[in-house]
């Protein structure tokens, strides 16, 4: 089991694939066996959630499995949300080390 905790912050333009990548990470962590191999046996396949067309604000996803322990913050890529991102990002990044992924 993973005993450390991390944060991943998905940033980028609208339509860059932030939500799609987030859902893929969640799906992979849920499908991973004890050896860290993604098990896609037909009897274990989970139905994937459809990705929403547009993210509004910031959506957080908690990922906790044998190989992952993190929160992924999926930031909206539309300009009207940029002003709210700065204050929330300051709070998120001050509490625990974070990884920023910029998708273009």
PDB file of N, CA and C in Angstrom:
ATOM      1  N   UNK A   1       0.812  -1.199   0.000  1.00  0.00           N
ATOM      2  CA  UNK A   1       0.000   0.000   0.000  1.00  0.00           C
ATOM      3  C   UNK A   1       0.855   1.262   0.000  1.00  0.00           C
ATOM      4  N   UNK A   2       0.317   2.301  -0.560  1.00  0.00           N
ATOM      5  CA  UNK A   2       1.011   3.582  -0.615  1.00  0.00           C
ATOM      6  C   UNK A   2       0.734   4.326   0.688  1.00  0.00           C
ATOM      7  N   UNK A   3       1.797   4.802   1.346  1.00  0.00           N
ATOM      8  CA  UNK A   3       1.637   5.498   2.616  1.00  0.00           C
ATOM      9  C   UNK A   3       1.825   7.003   2.490  1.00  0.00           C
ATOM     10  N   UNK A   4       2.104   7.477   1.302  1.00  0.00           N
ATOM     11  CA  UNK A   4       2.261   8.909   1.106  1.00  0.00           C
ATOM     12  C   UNK A   4       1.046   9.446   0.355  1.00  0.00           C
ATOM     13  N   UNK A   5       0.888  10.735   0.429  1.00  0.00           N
ATOM     14  CA  UNK A   5      -0.254  11.384  -0.202  1.00  0.00           C
ATOM     15  C   UNK A   5       0.253  12.478  -1.120  1.00  0.00           C
ATOM     16  N   UNK A   6      -0.365  12.625  -2.263  1.00  0.00           N
ATOM     17  CA  UNK A   6       0.031  13.673  -3.188  1.00  0.00           C
ATOM     18  C   UNK A   6      -1.173  14.343  -3.809  1.00  0.00           C
ATOM     19  N   UNK A   7      -0.917  15.457  -4.452  1.00  0.00           N
ATOM     20  CA  UNK A   7      -1.950  16.205  -5.159  1.00  0.00           C
ATOM     21  C   UNK A   7      -1.494  16.425  -6.587  1.00  0.00           C
ATOM     22  N   UNK A   8      -2.410  16.251  -7.505  1.00  0.00           N
ATOM     23  CA  UNK A   8      -2.149  16.519  -8.913  1.00  0.00           C
ATOM     24  C   UNK A   8      -3.151  17.583  -9.337  1.00  0.00           C
ATOM     25  N   UNK A   9      -2.652  18.656  -9.914  1.00  0.00           N
ATOM     26  CA  UNK A   9      -3.512  19.757 -10.344  1.00  0.00           C
ATOM     27  C   UNK A   9      -3.456  19.832 -11.868  1.00  0.00           C
ATOM     28  N   UNK A  10      -4.602  19.573 -12.510  1.00  0.00           N
ATOM     29  CA  UNK A  10      -4.707  19.576 -13.968  1.00  0.00           C
ATOM     30  C   UNK A  10      -5.057  20.977 -14.444  1.00  0.00           C
ATOM     31  N   UNK A  11      -4.160  21.579 -15.195  1.00  0.00           N
ATOM     32  CA  UNK A  11      -4.353  22.934 -15.729  1.00  0.00           C
ATOM     33  C   UNK A  11      -4.249  22.885 -17.246  1.00  0.00           C
ATOM     34  N   UNK A  12      -4.923  23.782 -17.909  1.00  0.00           N
ATOM     35  CA  UNK A  12      -4.792  23.873 -19.359  1.00  0.00           C
ATOM     36  C   UNK A  12      -6.028  24.482 -19.990  1.00  0.00           C
ATOM     37  N   UNK A  13      -5.931  24.638 -21.287  1.00  0.00           N
ATOM     38  CA  UNK A  13      -7.025  25.225 -22.055  1.00  0.00           C
ATOM     39  C   UNK A  13      -8.237  24.304 -22.088  1.00  0.00           C
ATOM     40  N   UNK A  14      -9.377  24.883 -22.372  1.00  0.00           N
ATOM     41  CA  UNK A  14     -10.596  24.110 -22.531  1.00  0.00           C
ATOM     42  C   UNK A  14     -10.428  23.125 -23.688  1.00  0.00           C
ATOM     43  N   UNK A  15     -10.823  21.887 -23.468  1.00  0.00           N
ATOM     44  CA  UNK A  15     -10.731  20.884 -24.523  1.00  0.00           C
ATOM     45  C   UNK A  15      -9.374  20.220 -24.642  1.00  0.00           C
ATOM     46  N   UNK A  16      -8.441  20.522 -23.733  1.00  0.00           N
ATOM     47  CA  UNK A  16      -7.093  19.947 -23.820  1.00  0.00           C
ATOM     48  C   UNK A  16      -7.050  18.489 -23.380  1.00  0.00           C
ATOM     49  N   UNK A  17      -8.045  18.021 -22.635  1.00  0.00           N
ATOM     50  CA  UNK A  17      -8.080  16.631 -22.211  1.00  0.00           C
ATOM     51  C   UNK A  17      -7.837  16.422 -20.724  1.00  0.00           C
ATOM     52  N   UNK A  18      -7.979  17.470 -19.931  1.00  0.00           N
ATOM     53  CA  UNK A  18      -7.733  17.365 -18.482  1.00  0.00           C
ATOM     54  C   UNK A  18      -8.697  16.382 -17.822  1.00  0.00           C
ATOM     55  N   UNK A  19      -9.973  16.510 -18.097  1.00  0.00           N
ATOM     56  CA  UNK A  19     -10.969  15.618 -17.495  1.00  0.00           C
ATOM     57  C   UNK A  19     -10.826  14.198 -18.023  1.00  0.00           C
ATOM     58  N   UNK A  20     -10.514  14.055 -19.283  1.00  0.00           N
ATOM     59  CA  UNK A  20     -10.325  12.728 -19.868  1.00  0.00           C
ATOM     60  C   UNK A  20      -9.124  12.031 -19.234  1.00  0.00           C
ATOM     61  N   UNK A  21      -8.013  12.748 -19.059  1.00  0.00           N
ATOM     62  CA  UNK A  21      -6.843  12.172 -18.408  1.00  0.00           C
ATOM     63  C   UNK A  21      -7.141  11.824 -16.952  1.00  0.00           C
ATOM     64  N   UNK A  22      -7.870  12.695 -16.261  1.00  0.00           N
ATOM     65  CA  UNK A  22      -8.253  12.437 -14.873  1.00  0.00           C
ATOM     66  C   UNK A  22      -9.059  11.147 -14.775  1.00  0.00           C
ATOM     67  N   UNK A  23     -10.062  10.988 -15.615  1.00  0.00           N
ATOM     68  CA  UNK A  23     -10.880   9.774 -15.597  1.00  0.00           C
ATOM     69  C   UNK A  23     -10.058   8.539 -15.946  1.00  0.00           C
ATOM     70  N   UNK A  24      -9.084   8.659 -16.853  1.00  0.00           N
ATOM     71  CA  UNK A  24      -8.217   7.523 -17.200  1.00  0.00           C
ATOM     72  C   UNK A  24      -7.352   7.120 -16.005  1.00  0.00           C
ATOM     73  N   UNK A  25      -6.827   8.098 -15.278  1.00  0.00           N
ATOM     74  CA  UNK A  25      -6.026   7.802 -14.086  1.00  0.00           C
ATOM     75  C   UNK A  25      -6.880   7.097 -13.038  1.00  0.00           C
ATOM     76  N   UNK A  26      -8.079   7.582 -12.822  1.00  0.00           N
ATOM     77  CA  UNK A  26      -8.983   6.963 -11.849  1.00  0.00           C
ATOM     78  C   UNK A  26      -9.303   5.534 -12.268  1.00  0.00           C
ATOM     79  N   UNK A  27      -9.631   5.334 -13.530  1.00  0.00           N
ATOM     80  CA  UNK A  27      -9.961   3.997 -14.032  1.00  0.00           C
ATOM     81  C   UNK A  27      -8.775   3.045 -13.867  1.00  0.00           C
ATOM     82  N   UNK A  28      -7.575   3.505 -14.216  1.00  0.00           N
ATOM     83  CA  UNK A  28      -6.388   2.649 -14.100  1.00  0.00           C
ATOM     84  C   UNK A  28      -6.104   2.285 -12.653  1.00  0.00           C
ATOM     85  N   UNK A  29      -6.250   3.243 -11.744  1.00  0.00           N
ATOM     86  CA  UNK A  29      -5.974   2.938 -10.340  1.00  0.00           C
ATOM     87  C   UNK A  29      -6.991   1.946  -9.783  1.00  0.00           C
ATOM     88  N   UNK A  30      -8.228   2.021 -10.243  1.00  0.00           N
ATOM     89  CA  UNK A  30      -9.256   1.081  -9.785  1.00  0.00           C
ATOM     90  C   UNK A  30      -9.074  -0.300 -10.390  1.00  0.00           C
ATOM     91  N   UNK A  31      -8.422  -0.385 -11.559  1.00  0.00           N
ATOM     92  CA  UNK A  31      -8.239  -1.658 -12.259  1.00  0.00           C
ATOM     93  C   UNK A  31      -6.904  -2.326 -11.941  1.00  0.00           C
ATOM     94  N   UNK A  32      -6.084  -1.690 -11.119  1.00  0.00           N
ATOM     95  CA  UNK A  32      -4.745  -2.191 -10.844  1.00  0.00           C
ATOM     96  C   UNK A  32      -4.780  -3.309  -9.800  1.00  0.00           C
ATOM     97  N   UNK A  33      -4.026  -4.379 -10.085  1.00  0.00           N
ATOM     98  CA  UNK A  33      -3.949  -5.463  -9.110  1.00  0.00           C
ATOM     99  C   UNK A  33      -2.802  -5.223  -8.131  1.00  0.00           C
ATOM    100  N   UNK A  34      -2.547  -6.168  -7.241  1.00  0.00           N
ATOM    101  CA  UNK A  34      -1.539  -5.981  -6.192  1.00  0.00           C
ATOM    102  C   UNK A  34      -0.127  -5.806  -6.728  1.00  0.00           C
ATOM    103  N   UNK A  35       0.149  -6.324  -7.927  1.00  0.00           N
ATOM    104  CA  UNK A  35       1.476  -6.178  -8.532  1.00  0.00           C
ATOM    105  C   UNK A  35       1.631  -4.873  -9.301  1.00  0.00           C
ATOM    106  N   UNK A  36       0.574  -4.084  -9.368  1.00  0.00           N
ATOM    107  CA  UNK A  36       0.625  -2.818 -10.092  1.00  0.00           C
ATOM    108  C   UNK A  36       0.317  -2.956 -11.567  1.00  0.00           C
ATOM    109  N   UNK A  37      -0.246  -4.092 -11.969  1.00  0.00           N
ATOM    110  CA  UNK A  37      -0.600  -4.332 -13.363  1.00  0.00           C
ATOM    111  C   UNK A  37      -2.087  -4.052 -13.536  1.00  0.00           C
ATOM    112  N   UNK A  38      -2.429  -3.372 -14.609  1.00  0.00           N
ATOM    113  CA  UNK A  38      -3.836  -3.067 -14.882  1.00  0.00           C
ATOM    114  C   UNK A  38      -4.512  -4.341 -15.369  1.00  0.00           C
ATOM    115  N   UNK A  39      -5.521  -4.770 -14.634  1.00  0.00           N
ATOM    116  CA  UNK A  39      -6.232  -6.009 -14.918  1.00  0.00           C
ATOM    117  C   UNK A  39      -7.540  -5.678 -15.623  1.00  0.00           C
ATOM    118  N   UNK A  40      -7.584  -5.972 -16.901  1.00  0.00           N
ATOM    119  CA  UNK A  40      -8.783  -5.675 -17.694  1.00  0.00           C
ATOM    120  C   UNK A  40      -9.538  -6.952 -18.040  1.00  0.00           C
ATOM    121  N   UNK A  41      -9.511  -7.929 -17.151  1.00  0.00           N
ATOM    122  CA  UNK A  41     -10.265  -9.154 -17.371  1.00  0.00           C
ATOM    123  C   UNK A  41     -11.741  -8.789 -17.540  1.00  0.00           C
ATOM    124  N   UNK A  42     -12.422  -9.407 -18.520  1.00  0.00           N
ATOM    125  CA  UNK A  42     -13.822  -9.013 -18.773  1.00  0.00           C
ATOM    126  C   UNK A  42     -14.722  -9.045 -17.550  1.00  0.00           C
ATOM    127  N   UNK A  43     -14.479  -9.962 -16.627  1.00  0.00           N
ATOM    128  CA  UNK A  43     -15.350 -10.030 -15.448  1.00  0.00           C
ATOM    129  C   UNK A  43     -15.100  -8.882 -14.480  1.00  0.00           C
ATOM    130  N   UNK A  44     -13.967  -8.181 -14.625  1.00  0.00           N
ATOM    131  CA  UNK A  44     -13.627  -7.081 -13.711  1.00  0.00           C
ATOM    132  C   UNK A  44     -13.817  -5.708 -14.340  1.00  0.00           C
ATOM    133  N   UNK A  45     -14.187  -5.664 -15.588  1.00  0.00           N
ATOM    134  CA  UNK A  45     -14.337  -4.362 -16.246  1.00  0.00           C
ATOM    135  C   UNK A  45     -15.424  -3.554 -15.576  1.00  0.00           C
ATOM    136  N   UNK A  46     -15.090  -2.319 -15.283  1.00  0.00           N
ATOM    137  CA  UNK A  46     -16.055  -1.408 -14.687  1.00  0.00           C
ATOM    138  C   UNK A  46     -16.559  -0.469 -15.762  1.00  0.00           C
ATOM    139  N   UNK A  47     -17.791  -0.088 -15.618  1.00  0.00           N
ATOM    140  CA  UNK A  47     -18.342   0.854 -16.574  1.00  0.00           C
ATOM    141  C   UNK A  47     -17.745   2.233 -16.312  1.00  0.00           C
ATOM    142  N   UNK A  48     -17.129   2.811 -17.318  1.00  0.00           N
ATOM    143  CA  UNK A  48     -16.531   4.143 -17.169  1.00  0.00           C
ATOM    144  C   UNK A  48     -17.601   5.213 -17.193  1.00  0.00           C
ATOM    145  N   UNK A  49     -17.386   6.227 -16.356  1.00  0.00           N
ATOM    146  CA  UNK A  49     -18.310   7.356 -16.346  1.00  0.00           C
ATOM    147  C   UNK A  49     -18.082   8.191 -17.601  1.00  0.00           C
ATOM    148  N   UNK A  50     -19.143   8.706 -18.200  1.00  0.00           N
ATOM    149  CA  UNK A  50     -18.929   9.612 -19.334  1.00  0.00           C
ATOM    150  C   UNK A  50     -18.299  10.910 -18.839  1.00  0.00           C
ATOM    151  N   UNK A  51     -17.391  11.444 -19.627  1.00  0.00           N
ATOM    152  CA  UNK A  51     -16.743  12.709 -19.274  1.00  0.00           C
ATOM    153  C   UNK A  51     -17.697  13.845 -19.590  1.00  0.00           C
ATOM    154  N   UNK A  52     -17.856  14.737 -18.629  1.00  0.00           N
ATOM    155  CA  UNK A  52     -18.724  15.896 -18.836  1.00  0.00           C
ATOM    156  C   UNK A  52     -18.116  16.777 -19.928  1.00  0.00           C
ATOM    157  N   UNK A  53     -18.938  17.402 -20.761  1.00  0.00           N
ATOM    158  CA  UNK A  53     -18.394  18.204 -21.858  1.00  0.00           C
ATOM    159  C   UNK A  53     -17.598  19.423 -21.396  1.00  0.00           C
ATOM    160  N   UNK A  54     -18.002  20.073 -20.302  1.00  0.00           N
ATOM    161  CA  UNK A  54     -17.288  21.248 -19.814  1.00  0.00           C
ATOM    162  C   UNK A  54     -17.204  21.195 -18.294  1.00  0.00           C
ATOM    163  N   UNK A  55     -15.995  21.389 -17.767  1.00  0.00           N
ATOM    164  CA  UNK A  55     -15.816  21.432 -16.322  1.00  0.00           C
ATOM    165  C   UNK A  55     -16.118  22.839 -15.837  1.00  0.00           C
ATOM    166  N   UNK A  56     -16.876  22.950 -14.765  1.00  0.00           N
ATOM    167  CA  UNK A  56     -17.186  24.247 -14.179  1.00  0.00           C
ATOM    168  C   UNK A  56     -16.410  24.395 -12.878  1.00  0.00           C
ATOM    169  N   UNK A  57     -15.537  25.400 -12.793  1.00  0.00           N
ATOM    170  CA  UNK A  57     -14.759  25.642 -11.575  1.00  0.00           C
ATOM    171  C   UNK A  57     -13.648  24.632 -11.392  1.00  0.00           C
ATOM    172  N   UNK A  58     -13.600  23.998 -10.217  1.00  0.00           N
ATOM    173  CA  UNK A  58     -12.602  22.982  -9.904  1.00  0.00           C
ATOM    174  C   UNK A  58     -13.326  21.767  -9.349  1.00  0.00           C
ATOM    175  N   UNK A  59     -13.020  20.604  -9.905  1.00  0.00           N
ATOM    176  CA  UNK A  59     -13.605  19.359  -9.418  1.00  0.00           C
ATOM    177  C   UNK A  59     -12.473  18.530  -8.825  1.00  0.00           C
ATOM    178  N   UNK A  60     -12.662  18.066  -7.592  1.00  0.00           N
ATOM    179  CA  UNK A  60     -11.629  17.227  -6.967  1.00  0.00           C
ATOM    180  C   UNK A  60     -12.069  15.768  -7.004  1.00  0.00           C
ATOM    181  N   UNK A  61     -11.090  14.896  -7.238  1.00  0.00           N
ATOM    182  CA  UNK A  61     -11.309  13.451  -7.300  1.00  0.00           C
ATOM    183  C   UNK A  61     -10.322  12.792  -6.345  1.00  0.00           C
ATOM    184  N   UNK A  62     -10.793  12.002  -5.421  1.00  0.00           N
ATOM    185  CA  UNK A  62      -9.928  11.281  -4.486  1.00  0.00           C
ATOM    186  C   UNK A  62      -9.624   9.918  -5.091  1.00  0.00           C
ATOM    187  N   UNK A  63      -8.333   9.586  -5.208  1.00  0.00           N
ATOM    188  CA  UNK A  63      -7.894   8.309  -5.751  1.00  0.00           C
ATOM    189  C   UNK A  63      -7.125   7.587  -4.650  1.00  0.00           C
ATOM    190  N   UNK A  64      -7.655   6.466  -4.220  1.00  0.00           N
ATOM    191  CA  UNK A  64      -6.978   5.707  -3.171  1.00  0.00           C
ATOM    192  C   UNK A  64      -7.060   4.232  -3.523  1.00  0.00           C
ATOM    193  N   UNK A  65      -5.898   3.628  -3.738  1.00  0.00           N
ATOM    194  CA  UNK A  65      -5.823   2.203  -4.054  1.00  0.00           C
ATOM    195  C   UNK A  65      -4.499   1.685  -3.510  1.00  0.00           C
ATOM    196  N   UNK A  66      -4.166   0.448  -3.869  1.00  0.00           N
ATOM    197  CA  UNK A  66      -2.901  -0.132  -3.397  1.00  0.00           C
ATOM    198  C   UNK A  66      -1.689   0.643  -3.906  1.00  0.00           C
ATOM    199  N   UNK A  67      -1.793   1.238  -5.096  1.00  0.00           N
ATOM    200  CA  UNK A  67      -0.646   1.901  -5.717  1.00  0.00           C
ATOM    201  C   UNK A  67      -0.788   3.408  -5.838  1.00  0.00           C
ATOM    202  N   UNK A  68      -1.884   3.968  -5.395  1.00  0.00           N
ATOM    203  CA  UNK A  68      -2.079   5.416  -5.542  1.00  0.00           C
ATOM    204  C   UNK A  68      -2.842   5.965  -4.340  1.00  0.00           C
ATOM    205  N   UNK A  69      -2.395   7.125  -3.876  1.00  0.00           N
ATOM    206  CA  UNK A  69      -3.083   7.829  -2.797  1.00  0.00           C
ATOM    207  C   UNK A  69      -2.937   9.319  -3.092  1.00  0.00           C
ATOM    208  N   UNK A  70      -3.948   9.887  -3.739  1.00  0.00           N
ATOM    209  CA  UNK A  70      -3.837  11.282  -4.160  1.00  0.00           C
ATOM    210  C   UNK A  70      -5.209  11.899  -4.366  1.00  0.00           C
ATOM    211  N   UNK A  71      -5.192  13.202  -4.478  1.00  0.00           N
ATOM    212  CA  UNK A  71      -6.366  13.944  -4.917  1.00  0.00           C
ATOM    213  C   UNK A  71      -5.988  14.639  -6.213  1.00  0.00           C
ATOM    214  N   UNK A  72      -6.849  14.500  -7.201  1.00  0.00           N
ATOM    215  CA  UNK A  72      -6.641  15.169  -8.485  1.00  0.00           C
ATOM    216  C   UNK A  72      -7.622  16.336  -8.547  1.00  0.00           C
ATOM    217  N   UNK A  73      -7.083  17.522  -8.810  1.00  0.00           N
ATOM    218  CA  UNK A  73      -7.910  18.721  -8.970  1.00  0.00           C
ATOM    219  C   UNK A  73      -7.990  19.035 -10.461  1.00  0.00           C
ATOM    220  N   UNK A  74      -9.171  18.952 -11.005  1.00  0.00           N
ATOM    221  CA  UNK A  74      -9.420  19.188 -12.424  1.00  0.00           C
ATOM    222  C   UNK A  74      -9.961  20.605 -12.567  1.00  0.00           C
ATOM    223  N   UNK A  75      -9.139  21.507 -13.108  1.00  0.00           N
ATOM    224  CA  UNK A  75      -9.505  22.918 -13.232  1.00  0.00           C
ATOM    225  C   UNK A  75     -10.174  23.193 -14.571  1.00  0.00           C
ATOM    226  N   UNK A  76     -11.214  23.995 -14.528  1.00  0.00           N
ATOM    227  CA  UNK A  76     -11.893  24.401 -15.764  1.00  0.00           C
ATOM    228  C   UNK A  76     -10.929  25.204 -16.638  1.00  0.00           C
ATOM    229  N   UNK A  77     -11.024  25.019 -17.931  1.00  0.00           N
ATOM    230  CA  UNK A  77     -10.122  25.708 -18.837  1.00  0.00           C
ATOM    231  C   UNK A  77     -10.677  26.993 -19.430  1.00  0.00           C
ATOM    232  N   UNK A  78     -11.849  27.395 -19.006  1.00  0.00           N
ATOM    233  CA  UNK A  78     -12.473  28.593 -19.565  1.00  0.00           C
ATOM    234  C   UNK A  78     -12.031  29.850 -18.829  1.00  0.00           C
ATOM    235  N   UNK A  79     -11.850  30.927 -19.555  1.00  0.00           N
ATOM    236  CA  UNK A  79     -11.345  32.182 -18.986  1.00  0.00           C
ATOM    237  C   UNK A  79     -12.168  32.706 -17.815  1.00  0.00           C
ATOM    238  N   UNK A  80     -13.456  32.503 -17.846  1.00  0.00           N
ATOM    239  CA  UNK A  80     -14.283  33.054 -16.771  1.00  0.00           C
ATOM    240  C   UNK A  80     -13.989  32.429 -15.412  1.00  0.00           C
ATOM    241  N   UNK A  81     -13.276  31.306 -15.376  1.00  0.00           N
ATOM    242  CA  UNK A  81     -12.920  30.665 -14.110  1.00  0.00           C
ATOM    243  C   UNK A  81     -11.509  31.004 -13.640  1.00  0.00           C
ATOM    244  N   UNK A  82     -10.712  31.649 -14.471  1.00  0.00           N
ATOM    245  CA  UNK A  82      -9.307  31.915 -14.126  1.00  0.00           C
ATOM    246  C   UNK A  82      -9.154  32.704 -12.826  1.00  0.00           C
ATOM    247  N   UNK A  83     -10.000  33.692 -12.592  1.00  0.00           N
ATOM    248  CA  UNK A  83      -9.837  34.531 -11.403  1.00  0.00           C
ATOM    249  C   UNK A  83     -10.058  33.730 -10.118  1.00  0.00           C
ATOM    250  N   UNK A  84     -10.970  32.790 -10.137  1.00  0.00           N
ATOM    251  CA  UNK A  84     -11.205  31.975  -8.932  1.00  0.00           C
ATOM    252  C   UNK A  84     -10.107  30.943  -8.719  1.00  0.00           C
ATOM    253  N   UNK A  85      -9.432  30.528  -9.777  1.00  0.00           N
ATOM    254  CA  UNK A  85      -8.388  29.510  -9.659  1.00  0.00           C
ATOM    255  C   UNK A  85      -7.230  29.959  -8.770  1.00  0.00           C
ATOM    256  N   UNK A  86      -6.817  31.214  -8.889  1.00  0.00           N
ATOM    257  CA  UNK A  86      -5.611  31.657  -8.175  1.00  0.00           C
ATOM    258  C   UNK A  86      -5.756  31.532  -6.664  1.00  0.00           C
ATOM    259  N   UNK A  87      -6.876  31.928  -6.108  1.00  0.00           N
ATOM    260  CA  UNK A  87      -7.029  31.841  -4.652  1.00  0.00           C
ATOM    261  C   UNK A  87      -7.157  30.398  -4.186  1.00  0.00           C
ATOM    262  N   UNK A  88      -7.856  29.588  -4.946  1.00  0.00           N
ATOM    263  CA  UNK A  88      -8.013  28.182  -4.575  1.00  0.00           C
ATOM    264  C   UNK A  88      -6.687  27.447  -4.728  1.00  0.00           C
ATOM    265  N   UNK A  89      -5.951  27.719  -5.793  1.00  0.00           N
ATOM    266  CA  UNK A  89      -4.654  27.073  -6.000  1.00  0.00           C
ATOM    267  C   UNK A  89      -3.666  27.416  -4.899  1.00  0.00           C
ATOM    268  N   UNK A  90      -3.696  28.638  -4.424  1.00  0.00           N
ATOM    269  CA  UNK A  90      -2.800  29.030  -3.337  1.00  0.00           C
ATOM    270  C   UNK A  90      -3.080  28.183  -2.099  1.00  0.00           C
ATOM    271  N   UNK A  91      -4.336  27.985  -1.783  1.00  0.00           N
ATOM    272  CA  UNK A  91      -4.709  27.166  -0.620  1.00  0.00           C
ATOM    273  C   UNK A  91      -4.314  25.699  -0.831  1.00  0.00           C
ATOM    274  N   UNK A  92      -4.612  25.147  -2.008  1.00  0.00           N
ATOM    275  CA  UNK A  92      -4.328  23.742  -2.295  1.00  0.00           C
ATOM    276  C   UNK A  92      -2.828  23.467  -2.240  1.00  0.00           C
ATOM    277  N   UNK A  93      -2.040  24.308  -2.864  1.00  0.00           N
ATOM    278  CA  UNK A  93      -0.603  24.039  -2.966  1.00  0.00           C
ATOM    279  C   UNK A  93       0.166  24.348  -1.686  1.00  0.00           C
ATOM    280  N   UNK A  94      -0.407  25.105  -0.752  1.00  0.00           N
ATOM    281  CA  UNK A  94       0.286  25.413   0.501  1.00  0.00           C
ATOM    282  C   UNK A  94       0.194  24.300   1.531  1.00  0.00           C
ATOM    283  N   UNK A  95      -0.756  23.403   1.416  1.00  0.00           N
ATOM    284  CA  UNK A  95      -0.956  22.401   2.453  1.00  0.00           C
ATOM    285  C   UNK A  95      -0.120  21.143   2.262  1.00  0.00           C
ATOM    286  N   UNK A  96       0.122  20.711   1.048  1.00  0.00           N
ATOM    287  CA  UNK A  96       0.890  19.500   0.731  1.00  0.00           C
ATOM    288  C   UNK A  96       1.597  19.726  -0.593  1.00  0.00           C
ATOM    289  N   UNK A  97       2.765  19.121  -0.799  1.00  0.00           N
ATOM    290  CA  UNK A  97       3.411  19.258  -2.110  1.00  0.00           C
ATOM    291  C   UNK A  97       2.471  18.822  -3.233  1.00  0.00           C
ATOM    292  N   UNK A  98       2.533  19.552  -4.329  1.00  0.00           N
ATOM    293  CA  UNK A  98       1.624  19.297  -5.448  1.00  0.00           C
ATOM    294  C   UNK A  98       2.396  19.139  -6.737  1.00  0.00           C
ATOM    295  N   UNK A  99       1.787  18.428  -7.675  1.00  0.00           N
ATOM    296  CA  UNK A  99       2.303  18.306  -9.039  1.00  0.00           C
ATOM    297  C   UNK A  99       1.318  19.043  -9.930  1.00  0.00           C
ATOM    298  N   UNK A 100       1.831  19.948 -10.744  1.00  0.00           N
ATOM    299  CA  UNK A 100       0.987  20.672 -11.694  1.00  0.00           C
ATOM    300  C   UNK A 100       1.193  20.054 -13.074  1.00  0.00           C
ATOM    301  N   UNK A 101       0.111  19.629 -13.718  1.00  0.00           N
ATOM    302  CA  UNK A 101       0.179  19.146 -15.098  1.00  0.00           C
ATOM    303  C   UNK A 101      -0.496  20.172 -15.986  1.00  0.00           C
ATOM    304  N   UNK A 102       0.254  20.701 -16.911  1.00  0.00           N
ATOM    305  CA  UNK A 102      -0.281  21.691 -17.842  1.00  0.00           C
ATOM    306  C   UNK A 102      -0.510  21.003 -19.170  1.00  0.00           C
ATOM    307  N   UNK A 103      -1.756  20.905 -19.566  1.00  0.00           N
ATOM    308  CA  UNK A 103      -2.128  20.258 -20.833  1.00  0.00           C
ATOM    309  C   UNK A 103      -2.488  21.333 -21.827  1.00  0.00           C
ATOM    310  N   UNK A 104      -1.880  21.269 -22.983  1.00  0.00           N
ATOM    311  CA  UNK A 104      -2.142  22.265 -24.030  1.00  0.00           C
ATOM    312  C   UNK A 104      -2.792  21.611 -25.220  1.00  0.00           C
TER     313      UNK A 104
END
